[in-house]
Each structure stands twice: as structure tokens, then as C-alpha cells.
Amino acid sequence: MLRVPIRSRLGNGVLGLLGVVYFVSATATLIYYIVTSWGAMSLTDNVLQMGLIAVAIGGLFFIAIARQNLMSSRAAAKSHSARDHQTAPATES
């Protein structure tokens, strides 16, 4: 998977939300478009439908990238907090 470095949780959340909006709206528009123009499709209709499919796939990529970044940041935070709670070694005086 393509690694896109977004370091903030808020940024990754927004990217995931944007992916959901893109996917849902493109899928709904595509379904409506196909249902309403089923018998009279031209080359232009096919190009527009391919564009909607590309937007839906792009939305899935946004969701996957945000999920991957959030999972890796959660794992990094977990390992970082585990290191913070370790006791320091005793020093000899």
C-alpha cells in the first residue's frame, strides 16, 4: 500500500471522512445515473460513469491510507507510552 505520511490524527480522520464522502456520493450518483439513463447511454455517458467509478475507487484509497496511518500511529503511541512507564535503572553512588 502506498504510504502517505500524515502525522496528525485529525488529518487522518479528515482524510478518512473525505474518503467516505467521496465513495458514498460517487456510488449513489453512479447508481442513480445508471437507473435513469439505462436505455439511452452514449459514449459521453460511459465516460462520465467511468469517472464516477474512478472517484469511488479514489475514496476507497483515501479510507485505506487514513486507516493505515491511524493504525501505525496508534501502535507507535502504544510502544512510546510503554517506554515512558519503565523504571530507570538504579545508579551506584
Protein backbone atom coordinates (compact mmCIF):
# COMPACT_ATOMS: atom_id res chain seq x y z
CA MET A 1 0.00 0.00 0.00
CA LEU A 2 1.12 3.50 -0.73
CA ARG A 3 2.48 5.22 2.39
CA VAL A 4 1.38 8.86 2.71
CA PRO A 5 2.91 10.46 5.81
CA ILE A 6 0.20 12.40 7.61
CA ARG A 7 1.27 12.72 11.22
CA SER A 8 -1.82 14.16 12.90
CA ARG A 9 -4.77 12.07 13.95
CA LEU A 10 -7.09 14.87 12.96
CA GLY A 11 -5.62 14.97 9.46
CA ASN A 12 -6.01 11.23 9.07
CA GLY A 13 -9.56 11.41 10.40
CA VAL A 14 -10.43 14.14 7.90
CA LEU A 15 -8.83 12.10 5.10
CA GLY A 16 -10.89 9.06 6.07
CA LEU A 17 -14.08 11.10 6.33
CA LEU A 18 -13.40 12.67 2.94
CA GLY A 19 -12.87 9.18 1.52
CA VAL A 20 -16.22 8.04 2.90
CA VAL A 21 -17.96 11.10 1.44
CA TYR A 22 -16.31 10.56 -1.96
CA PHE A 23 -17.15 6.87 -2.04
CA VAL A 24 -20.76 7.19 -0.90
CA SER A 25 -21.59 10.17 -3.10
CA ALA A 26 -19.91 8.73 -6.21
CA THR A 27 -21.59 5.35 -5.72
CA ALA A 28 -25.01 6.90 -5.15
CA THR A 29 -24.62 9.19 -8.16
CA LEU A 30 -23.46 6.29 -10.34
CA ILE A 31 -26.42 4.13 -9.34
CA TYR A 32 -28.86 6.99 -9.97
CA TYR A 33 -27.19 7.76 -13.30
CA ILE A 34 -27.41 4.15 -14.49
CA VAL A 35 -31.03 3.73 -13.37
CA THR A 36 -32.25 6.92 -15.02
CA SER A 37 -30.39 6.57 -18.33
CA TRP A 38 -30.34 2.80 -18.83
CA GLY A 39 -31.77 2.69 -22.36
CA ALA A 40 -30.11 5.80 -23.80
CA MET A 41 -26.39 5.55 -22.97
CA SER A 42 -23.93 7.25 -25.26
CA LEU A 43 -20.15 7.45 -25.24
CA THR A 44 -20.33 10.55 -23.06
CA ASP A 45 -22.44 8.69 -20.51
CA ASN A 46 -19.91 5.87 -20.41
CA VAL A 47 -17.02 8.31 -19.87
CA LEU A 48 -18.90 10.04 -17.04
CA GLN A 49 -19.68 6.69 -15.44
CA MET A 50 -16.02 5.67 -15.61
CA GLY A 51 -15.18 8.97 -13.93
CA LEU A 52 -17.62 8.22 -11.11
CA ILE A 53 -16.10 4.77 -10.69
CA ALA A 54 -12.63 6.35 -10.50
CA VAL A 55 -13.83 8.78 -7.81
CA ALA A 56 -15.31 5.90 -5.80
CA ILE A 57 -12.03 3.98 -6.04
CA GLY A 58 -10.14 7.13 -5.02
CA GLY A 59 -12.39 7.39 -1.97
CA LEU A 60 -11.52 3.80 -1.05
CA PHE A 61 -7.82 4.68 -1.34
CA PHE A 62 -8.33 7.68 0.97
CA ILE A 63 -10.02 5.42 3.51
CA ALA A 64 -7.25 2.80 3.28
CA ILE A 65 -4.47 5.39 3.67
CA ALA A 66 -6.17 7.01 6.68
CA ARG A 67 -6.75 3.61 8.29
CA GLN A 68 -3.14 2.56 7.75
CA ASN A 69 -1.82 5.83 9.19
CA LEU A 70 -4.12 5.69 12.20
CA MET A 71 -3.15 2.08 12.93
CA SER A 72 0.57 2.81 12.69
CA SER A 73 0.27 5.96 14.85
CA ARG A 74 -1.71 4.00 17.44
CA ALA A 75 0.98 1.30 17.54
CA ALA A 76 3.71 3.95 17.84
CA ALA A 77 1.86 5.67 20.68
CA LYS A 78 1.39 2.37 22.48
CA SER A 79 5.10 1.49 22.28
CA HIS A 80 6.07 5.05 23.26
CA SER A 81 3.84 5.03 26.37
CA ALA A 82 5.19 1.60 27.36
CA ARG A 83 8.73 3.02 27.29
CA ASP A 84 7.69 6.00 29.43
CA HIS A 85 6.43 3.78 32.23
CA GLN A 86 9.58 1.73 32.60
CA THR A 87 11.60 2.39 35.72
CA ALA A 88 15.03 3.91 35.41
CA PRO A 89 17.97 1.66 36.34
CA ALA A 90 19.45 2.20 39.77
CA THR A 91 22.74 4.09 39.80
CA GLU A 92 25.53 3.33 42.19
CA SER A 93 26.73 6.18 44.45
